[in-house]
Amino acid sequence: MPVSDATRTRHRTVKVNGLDIFYREAGPEGAPAVLLLHGFPTSSQMFRNLIPALADSYRVVAPDYPGYGHSAMPPREEFAYTFDNVAGVIDAFTERVGLARYALYVQDYGAPVGYRLASRHPERVTAIVVQNGNAYDEGLDNEFWKPIKAYWAEPDSREKREALRGLLTYDATRWQYTDGVPDPERVSPDGAAHDQFLLDRPGNDEIQLDMFLSYGSNPPLYPGWQEYFRTHQPPMLIAWGKNDQIFPAAGAEPYRRDLKTLEYHLLDAGHFALESKGEEIAGLMRDFLGRHVSGS
């Protein structure tokens, strides 16, 4: 089947707040927009297969955060790597590329970035797709978060900071891709290798440790995000890898308390569910977005 020029992924860079922000984009300019927000330790590359699966009907945009992927990685002395600052850049990015209204896809770090945008500009968000993205205390009540919470409790502790450095190794990155996947042979090794190459850039390790610390700024915002859900009732699709040890299914369940228009799917997958269930998620999204977003 011939591929139209509009549906081919383009790889672009735009200046935002003085920073070069890289993004992938495909789809017709005037189509309803979908903003894809990536997690840790990856970048917009996690959406490399999802983008073309949606681009015939939607304008699909996936940026890399500062310090991630192919976006600028300013020194920590020049840019404070916090979720507030990252969200501020992505907020400005949406305005720079003309995303006046958009559906959100949030995964992992994409949730605290995206929910900051949504609560700040509820009129812009047409729908939300959540794939292992947390907004409830229940989602952090597990073994994975204990050493990170210990760092939050003692933010000046060099010992607590250094204890998290193992999360930046290739073994840890590969584990995030394959753990909880019934058939790991379905997971290409290329994603983890790509992510690790960028994690291993000089200075990026300290950026990631800063972001681990900054994640502690998110739980105090959960009540506000939940109030946003209850007040504005964005249509929501949950497509969650139920075998994830970082954001387990316990974090998906509470969304049911606050959302009236909620479609809920626990998939037999891990943290990066797109790697093994990409076609299924794309199908769920096309059906969901077709009913709630098309024409927005």
Protein backbone atom coordinates (compact mmCIF):
# COMPACT_ATOMS: atom_id res chain seq x y z
CA MET A 1 0.00 0.00 0.00
CA PRO A 2 1.49 3.37 -0.97
CA VAL A 3 2.32 5.69 1.91
CA SER A 4 1.30 9.32 1.48
CA ASP A 5 3.84 12.01 2.25
CA ALA A 6 1.64 13.34 5.08
CA THR A 7 1.79 10.05 6.97
CA ARG A 8 5.55 9.66 6.77
CA THR A 9 7.29 10.50 10.04
CA ARG A 10 9.32 13.68 9.91
CA HIS A 11 12.17 14.33 12.35
CA ARG A 12 12.31 17.98 13.29
CA THR A 13 13.93 20.36 15.76
CA VAL A 14 12.43 23.63 16.97
CA LYS A 15 13.77 26.29 19.33
CA VAL A 16 11.80 26.49 22.60
CA ASN A 17 12.85 28.78 25.46
CA GLY A 18 16.30 28.89 23.90
CA LEU A 19 16.59 25.08 23.72
CA ASP A 20 16.62 22.83 20.67
CA ILE A 21 13.67 20.46 21.11
CA PHE A 22 13.59 17.46 18.80
CA TYR A 23 10.28 15.89 17.83
CA ARG A 24 8.75 13.33 15.52
CA GLU A 25 5.65 14.30 13.60
CA ALA A 26 3.37 12.71 11.05
CA GLY A 27 -0.16 13.15 9.79
CA PRO A 28 -2.25 15.83 8.08
CA GLU A 29 -1.67 19.35 9.41
CA GLY A 30 -5.37 20.03 10.00
CA ALA A 31 -6.24 16.67 11.55
CA PRO A 32 -7.06 16.26 15.28
CA ALA A 33 -3.79 16.27 17.19
CA VAL A 34 -2.32 13.61 19.47
CA LEU A 35 0.59 14.57 21.72
CA LEU A 36 2.73 11.58 22.76
CA LEU A 37 4.74 12.05 25.97
CA HIS A 38 7.48 9.54 26.69
CA GLY A 39 8.80 7.99 29.87
CA PHE A 40 12.18 7.13 31.42
CA PRO A 41 14.76 6.13 30.25
CA THR A 42 13.56 6.55 26.71
CA SER A 43 12.48 9.31 24.33
CA SER A 44 10.12 9.78 21.40
CA GLN A 45 11.71 6.67 19.90
CA MET A 46 9.30 4.63 22.02
CA PHE A 47 6.57 5.82 19.64
CA ARG A 48 8.42 4.95 16.42
CA ASN A 49 5.80 2.33 15.47
CA LEU A 50 2.72 3.98 16.98
CA ILE A 51 3.13 7.23 15.04
CA PRO A 52 2.64 5.73 11.55
CA ALA A 53 -0.23 3.58 12.88
CA LEU A 54 -2.20 6.75 13.70
CA ALA A 55 -0.91 9.22 11.12
CA ASP A 56 -3.50 8.60 8.41
CA SER A 57 -6.19 10.19 10.61
CA TYR A 58 -4.34 12.31 13.19
CA ARG A 59 -1.57 14.83 13.48
CA VAL A 60 0.76 12.92 15.77
CA VAL A 61 3.53 14.81 17.59
CA ALA A 62 6.12 13.28 19.94
CA PRO A 63 8.77 15.56 21.49
CA ASP A 64 11.91 14.65 23.40
CA TYR A 65 12.27 16.37 26.77
CA PRO A 66 15.39 18.45 27.48
CA GLY A 67 18.15 16.01 28.39
CA TYR A 68 16.44 13.12 26.57
CA GLY A 69 16.63 11.72 23.08
CA HIS A 70 17.87 14.19 20.51
CA SER A 71 16.79 17.37 22.31
CA ALA A 72 19.30 19.76 23.84
CA MET A 73 21.04 18.64 27.02
CA PRO A 74 22.04 21.89 28.70
CA PRO A 75 24.34 21.67 31.74
CA ARG A 76 22.60 21.32 35.09
CA GLU A 77 24.01 24.71 36.06
CA GLU A 78 22.02 26.30 33.21
CA PHE A 79 18.80 24.27 33.35
CA ALA A 80 17.28 22.76 36.48
CA TYR A 81 16.06 19.27 35.58
CA THR A 82 12.73 19.19 37.38
CA PHE A 83 9.29 18.08 36.27
CA ASP A 84 8.05 21.64 36.60
CA ASN A 85 10.71 22.90 34.21
CA VAL A 86 10.35 20.03 31.74
CA ALA A 87 6.58 20.53 31.66
CA GLY A 88 7.12 24.24 31.12
CA VAL A 89 9.26 23.52 28.07
CA ILE A 90 6.74 21.05 26.64
CA ASP A 91 3.92 23.51 27.28
CA ALA A 92 5.81 26.16 25.31
CA PHE A 93 6.60 23.53 22.67
CA THR A 94 2.91 22.84 22.06
CA GLU A 95 2.35 26.53 21.41
CA ARG A 96 5.44 26.76 19.21
CA VAL A 97 4.23 23.96 16.90
CA GLY A 98 0.59 25.07 16.92
CA LEU A 99 -1.09 22.45 19.09
CA ALA A 100 -4.10 24.42 20.29
CA ARG A 101 -6.07 21.26 21.17
CA TYR A 102 -4.75 17.74 21.52
CA ALA A 103 -5.31 14.30 22.94
CA LEU A 104 -2.58 13.17 25.33
CA TYR A 105 -0.77 9.84 25.45
CA VAL A 106 1.11 9.60 28.76
CA GLN A 107 3.49 6.90 29.90
CA ASP A 108 5.73 6.90 32.99
CA TYR A 109 7.35 10.40 33.13
CA GLY A 110 4.83 11.47 30.50
CA ALA A 111 2.07 11.38 33.12
CA PRO A 112 3.45 14.07 35.47
CA VAL A 113 4.44 16.16 32.45
CA GLY A 114 1.10 15.70 30.72
CA TYR A 115 -1.05 16.18 33.82
CA ARG A 116 0.69 19.46 34.54
CA LEU A 117 -0.29 20.60 31.04
CA ALA A 118 -3.84 19.27 31.35
CA SER A 119 -4.54 20.88 34.72
CA ARG A 120 -3.03 24.15 33.47
CA HIS A 121 -4.96 24.15 30.19
CA PRO A 122 -7.99 21.85 30.57
CA GLU A 123 -9.65 23.42 27.53
CA ARG A 124 -6.85 22.15 25.29
CA VAL A 125 -7.09 18.44 26.16
CA THR A 126 -9.59 16.45 24.11
CA ALA A 127 -8.85 13.00 25.60
CA ILE A 128 -6.16 11.10 27.49
CA VAL A 129 -4.59 7.71 26.81
CA VAL A 130 -2.78 6.32 29.86
CA GLN A 131 -0.21 3.57 29.49
CA ASN A 132 1.47 2.89 32.84
CA GLY A 133 1.33 6.51 33.93
CA ASN A 134 0.60 7.26 37.57
CA ALA A 135 -1.59 9.83 39.32
CA TYR A 136 -2.43 8.01 42.58
CA ASP A 137 -0.52 7.07 45.72
CA GLU A 138 -1.50 3.42 45.20
CA GLY A 139 0.71 3.35 42.10
CA LEU A 140 3.87 4.06 44.10
CA ASP A 141 3.29 1.59 46.94
CA ASN A 142 5.73 -1.09 45.78
CA GLU A 143 9.32 -2.27 46.16
CA PHE A 144 10.69 -0.40 43.15
CA TRP A 145 10.01 3.00 44.70
CA LYS A 146 11.49 2.35 48.17
CA PRO A 147 15.07 3.50 47.43
CA ILE A 148 13.75 6.46 45.46
CA LYS A 149 11.48 7.48 48.32
CA ALA A 150 14.47 7.15 50.64
CA TYR A 151 16.26 9.72 48.50
CA TRP A 152 13.23 12.03 48.63
CA ALA A 153 13.36 11.80 52.44
CA GLU A 154 17.07 12.73 52.48
CA PRO A 155 17.66 14.83 49.36
CA ASP A 156 21.10 15.95 50.52
CA SER A 157 22.31 12.39 51.04
CA ARG A 158 25.06 11.43 48.62
CA GLU A 159 24.60 7.79 49.70
CA LYS A 160 20.89 7.78 48.85
CA ARG A 161 21.60 9.43 45.49
CA GLU A 162 24.37 7.01 44.58
CA ALA A 163 22.18 4.05 45.52
CA LEU A 164 20.01 4.84 42.49
CA ARG A 165 22.83 4.79 39.97
CA GLY A 166 22.18 1.12 39.17
CA LEU A 167 18.92 2.19 37.48
CA LEU A 168 21.03 3.86 34.78
CA THR A 169 22.83 0.72 33.61
CA TYR A 170 22.13 -1.24 30.45
CA ASP A 171 20.93 -4.21 32.50
CA ALA A 172 18.33 -1.99 34.17
CA THR A 173 17.25 -0.45 30.89
CA ARG A 174 16.93 -3.83 29.21
CA TRP A 175 14.98 -5.10 32.24
CA GLN A 176 12.42 -2.32 31.80
CA TYR A 177 11.82 -3.50 28.24
CA THR A 178 11.59 -7.23 28.88
CA ASP A 179 10.34 -7.76 32.44
CA GLY A 180 6.74 -8.92 32.53
CA VAL A 181 6.63 -9.71 28.81
CA PRO A 182 5.33 -13.28 28.28
CA ASP A 183 7.34 -13.63 25.07
CA PRO A 184 10.52 -11.50 25.30
CA GLU A 185 11.43 -12.49 21.74
CA ARG A 186 8.75 -10.04 20.63
CA VAL A 187 10.78 -7.17 22.09
CA SER A 188 13.43 -5.73 19.82
CA PRO A 189 16.75 -5.04 21.59
CA ASP A 190 17.11 -1.85 19.57
CA GLY A 191 15.00 0.31 21.89
CA ALA A 192 17.05 -0.43 24.99
CA ALA A 193 20.32 -0.03 23.07
CA HIS A 194 19.19 3.34 21.70
CA ASP A 195 18.15 4.56 25.14
CA GLN A 196 21.36 3.41 26.79
CA PHE A 197 23.56 5.11 24.19
CA LEU A 198 21.96 8.43 25.15
CA LEU A 199 21.94 7.69 28.90
CA ASP A 200 25.68 7.08 28.69
CA ARG A 201 26.48 10.58 27.42
CA PRO A 202 28.80 12.40 29.83
CA GLY A 203 26.73 14.21 32.44
CA ASN A 204 23.42 12.56 31.62
CA ASP A 205 23.63 10.30 34.65
CA GLU A 206 23.48 13.31 36.98
CA ILE A 207 20.50 14.67 35.03
CA GLN A 208 18.64 11.41 35.56
CA LEU A 209 19.44 11.38 39.26
CA ASP A 210 18.08 14.94 39.49
CA MET A 211 14.88 13.75 37.83
CA PHE A 212 14.57 10.85 40.30
CA LEU A 213 14.69 13.43 43.08
CA SER A 214 12.24 15.71 41.31
CA TYR A 215 9.75 12.86 40.93
CA GLY A 216 9.05 13.48 44.62
CA SER A 217 7.36 16.73 43.59
CA ASN A 218 4.60 14.76 41.84
CA PRO A 219 2.68 12.97 44.63
CA PRO A 220 1.75 16.27 46.34
CA LEU A 221 0.11 17.27 43.05
CA TYR A 222 -1.99 14.10 42.77
CA PRO A 223 -5.04 15.57 44.56
CA GLY A 224 -5.07 18.47 42.10
CA TRP A 225 -4.80 16.17 39.11
CA GLN A 226 -7.58 13.99 40.48
CA GLU A 227 -9.73 17.10 40.91
CA TYR A 228 -9.00 17.95 37.27
CA PHE A 229 -10.25 14.48 36.29
CA ARG A 230 -13.44 14.86 38.33
CA THR A 231 -14.17 18.41 37.22
CA HIS A 232 -13.34 18.25 33.52
CA GLN A 233 -13.99 14.55 32.85
CA PRO A 234 -11.66 14.07 29.87
CA PRO A 235 -12.49 10.85 27.99
CA MET A 236 -9.80 8.38 29.07
CA LEU A 237 -8.45 5.14 27.67
CA ILE A 238 -6.40 2.97 30.04
CA ALA A 239 -4.11 0.60 28.14
CA TRP A 240 -1.84 -0.66 30.93
CA GLY A 241 0.83 -3.34 31.00
CA LYS A 242 -0.40 -5.26 34.05
CA ASN A 243 2.95 -7.00 34.71
CA ASP A 244 4.89 -3.75 35.23
CA GLN A 245 6.87 -3.75 38.49
CA ILE A 246 7.43 0.02 38.33
CA PHE A 247 3.85 1.16 37.80
CA PRO A 248 1.76 -1.94 38.54
CA ALA A 249 -1.93 -2.32 37.86
CA ALA A 250 -2.67 -1.00 41.36
CA GLY A 251 -2.01 2.44 39.89
CA ALA A 252 -4.50 1.94 37.09
CA GLU A 253 -7.47 0.96 39.23
CA PRO A 254 -7.98 4.31 41.07
CA TYR A 255 -8.68 6.16 37.81
CA ARG A 256 -12.06 4.41 37.92
CA ARG A 257 -13.00 6.50 40.95
CA ASP A 258 -12.74 9.80 39.15
CA LEU A 259 -13.47 9.29 35.44
CA LYS A 260 -16.96 8.70 34.06
CA THR A 261 -15.93 8.10 30.44
CA LEU A 262 -13.25 5.48 31.01
CA GLU A 263 -12.26 2.50 28.90
CA TYR A 264 -10.10 0.12 30.90
CA HIS A 265 -7.73 -2.51 29.51
CA LEU A 266 -5.07 -4.42 31.46
CA LEU A 267 -2.71 -5.95 28.92
CA ASP A 268 -0.43 -8.97 29.38
CA ALA A 269 2.66 -6.78 29.03
CA GLY A 270 5.30 -4.92 31.00
CA HIS A 271 6.43 -1.33 31.45
CA PHE A 272 6.90 -0.57 27.75
CA ALA A 273 3.71 -2.22 26.56
CA LEU A 274 4.05 -0.72 23.08
CA GLU A 275 7.02 -3.00 22.45
CA SER A 276 4.97 -6.21 22.65
CA LYS A 277 1.36 -4.97 22.36
CA GLY A 278 1.81 -2.09 19.96
CA GLU A 279 -0.70 -3.25 17.38
CA GLU A 280 -3.33 -3.88 20.04
CA ILE A 281 -2.79 -0.47 21.65
CA ALA A 282 -2.92 1.24 18.26
CA GLY A 283 -6.21 -0.51 17.55
CA LEU A 284 -7.67 0.52 20.90
CA MET A 285 -6.57 4.09 20.30
CA ARG A 286 -8.01 4.31 16.80
CA ASP A 287 -11.36 3.07 18.06
CA PHE A 288 -11.32 5.32 21.14
CA LEU A 289 -10.07 8.46 19.39
CA GLY A 290 -12.47 7.88 16.52
CA ARG A 291 -15.39 8.09 18.93
CA HIS A 292 -14.17 10.88 21.19
CA VAL A 293 -11.71 13.06 19.30
CA SER A 294 -12.30 12.99 15.55
CA GLY A 295 -13.59 16.38 14.49
CA SER A 296 -12.19 18.12 17.59
